[in-house]
Amino acid sequence: EGAPVGKQLICTDCVGAGAGELIYWCRGKESSFPFLPVEVPADNTIVGIVDELHVKRSK
């Protein structure tokens, strides 16, 4: 139902997400790409804010 699940994670943010927003994130080497040409030591980066989420429920 949109409630947070799992462990908390610390991410760098290249999109300006706010507290409580549903986000899309990446990890690994690719998490530093949004900041190129600067080399940022990032393991996890927020790369998108989810505007809408459509869930099809099975019967």
C-alpha atoms as a PDB file:
ATOM      1  CA  GLU A   1       0.000   0.000   0.000  1.00  0.00           C
ATOM      2  CA  GLY A   2       2.966   2.328  -0.468  1.00  0.00           C
ATOM      3  CA  ALA A   3       4.366   1.909   3.035  1.00  0.00           C
ATOM      4  CA  PRO A   4       8.160   1.774   3.409  1.00  0.00           C
ATOM      5  CA  VAL A   5       9.631  -1.737   3.617  1.00  0.00           C
ATOM      6  CA  GLY A   6      13.138  -3.088   4.107  1.00  0.00           C
ATOM      7  CA  LYS A   7      16.250  -1.443   5.467  1.00  0.00           C
ATOM      8  CA  GLN A   8      17.019   2.259   5.255  1.00  0.00           C
ATOM      9  CA  LEU A   9      19.601   3.319   2.692  1.00  0.00           C
ATOM     10  CA  ILE A  10      21.705   6.462   2.343  1.00  0.00           C
ATOM     11  CA  CYS A  11      21.873   7.837  -1.222  1.00  0.00           C
ATOM     12  CA  THR A  12      23.289  10.833  -3.013  1.00  0.00           C
ATOM     13  CA  ASP A  13      20.530  12.750  -4.820  1.00  0.00           C
ATOM     14  CA  CYS A  14      20.791  14.238  -8.313  1.00  0.00           C
ATOM     15  CA  VAL A  15      17.081  15.094  -8.729  1.00  0.00           C
ATOM     16  CA  GLY A  16      16.167  17.001  -5.558  1.00  0.00           C
ATOM     17  CA  ALA A  17      13.793  14.439  -4.046  1.00  0.00           C
ATOM     18  CA  GLY A  18      12.007  15.429  -0.872  1.00  0.00           C
ATOM     19  CA  ALA A  19      11.229  13.457   2.266  1.00  0.00           C
ATOM     20  CA  GLY A  20       8.456  10.923   1.751  1.00  0.00           C
ATOM     21  CA  GLU A  21       8.646  10.884  -2.063  1.00  0.00           C
ATOM     22  CA  LEU A  22       8.678   7.588  -3.954  1.00  0.00           C
ATOM     23  CA  ILE A  23      12.004   7.441  -5.779  1.00  0.00           C
ATOM     24  CA  TYR A  24      13.979   5.339  -8.258  1.00  0.00           C
ATOM     25  CA  TRP A  25      17.619   4.688  -7.366  1.00  0.00           C
ATOM     26  CA  CYS A  26      20.632   2.878  -8.768  1.00  0.00           C
ATOM     27  CA  ARG A  27      23.701   1.378  -7.144  1.00  0.00           C
ATOM     28  CA  GLY A  28      27.274   0.564  -8.030  1.00  0.00           C
ATOM     29  CA  LYS A  29      29.546   2.382 -10.451  1.00  0.00           C
ATOM     30  CA  GLU A  30      26.536   3.747 -12.372  1.00  0.00           C
ATOM     31  CA  SER A  31      25.437   5.711  -9.297  1.00  0.00           C
ATOM     32  CA  SER A  32      28.244   8.217  -9.923  1.00  0.00           C
ATOM     33  CA  PHE A  33      27.345   8.830 -13.606  1.00  0.00           C
ATOM     34  CA  PRO A  34      24.778  11.650 -13.038  1.00  0.00           C
ATOM     35  CA  PHE A  35      27.561  13.798 -11.569  1.00  0.00           C
ATOM     36  CA  LEU A  36      30.074  13.428 -14.437  1.00  0.00           C
ATOM     37  CA  PRO A  37      32.554  14.900 -15.225  1.00  0.00           C
ATOM     38  CA  VAL A  38      33.011  15.228 -11.444  1.00  0.00           C
ATOM     39  CA  GLU A  39      34.000  11.919  -9.853  1.00  0.00           C
ATOM     40  CA  VAL A  40      31.674  11.494  -6.876  1.00  0.00           C
ATOM     41  CA  PRO A  41      32.349   8.621  -4.439  1.00  0.00           C
ATOM     42  CA  ALA A  42      28.762   7.327  -4.489  1.00  0.00           C
ATOM     43  CA  ASP A  43      27.469   3.792  -3.991  1.00  0.00           C
ATOM     44  CA  ASN A  44      23.752   4.686  -4.284  1.00  0.00           C
ATOM     45  CA  THR A  45      22.084   7.603  -6.071  1.00  0.00           C
ATOM     46  CA  ILE A  46      18.478   8.740  -6.420  1.00  0.00           C
ATOM     47  CA  VAL A  47      17.992   9.138 -10.182  1.00  0.00           C
ATOM     48  CA  GLY A  48      14.241   9.689 -10.462  1.00  0.00           C
ATOM     49  CA  ILE A  49      11.062  10.687  -8.661  1.00  0.00           C
ATOM     50  CA  VAL A  50       8.045   8.476  -9.352  1.00  0.00           C
ATOM     51  CA  ASP A  51       5.014  10.580 -10.362  1.00  0.00           C
ATOM     52  CA  GLU A  52       2.479   7.757 -10.664  1.00  0.00           C
ATOM     53  CA  LEU A  53       2.393   4.078  -9.797  1.00  0.00           C
ATOM     54  CA  HIS A  54      -0.190   1.714 -11.252  1.00  0.00           C
ATOM     55  CA  VAL A  55      -0.502  -1.682  -9.565  1.00  0.00           C
ATOM     56  CA  LYS A  56      -2.508  -4.496 -11.120  1.00  0.00           C
ATOM     57  CA  ARG A  57      -3.749  -6.776  -8.372  1.00  0.00           C
ATOM     58  CA  SER A  58      -4.203 -10.466  -9.106  1.00  0.00           C
ATOM     59  CA  LYS A  59      -7.434 -12.139  -8.043  1.00  0.00           C
END
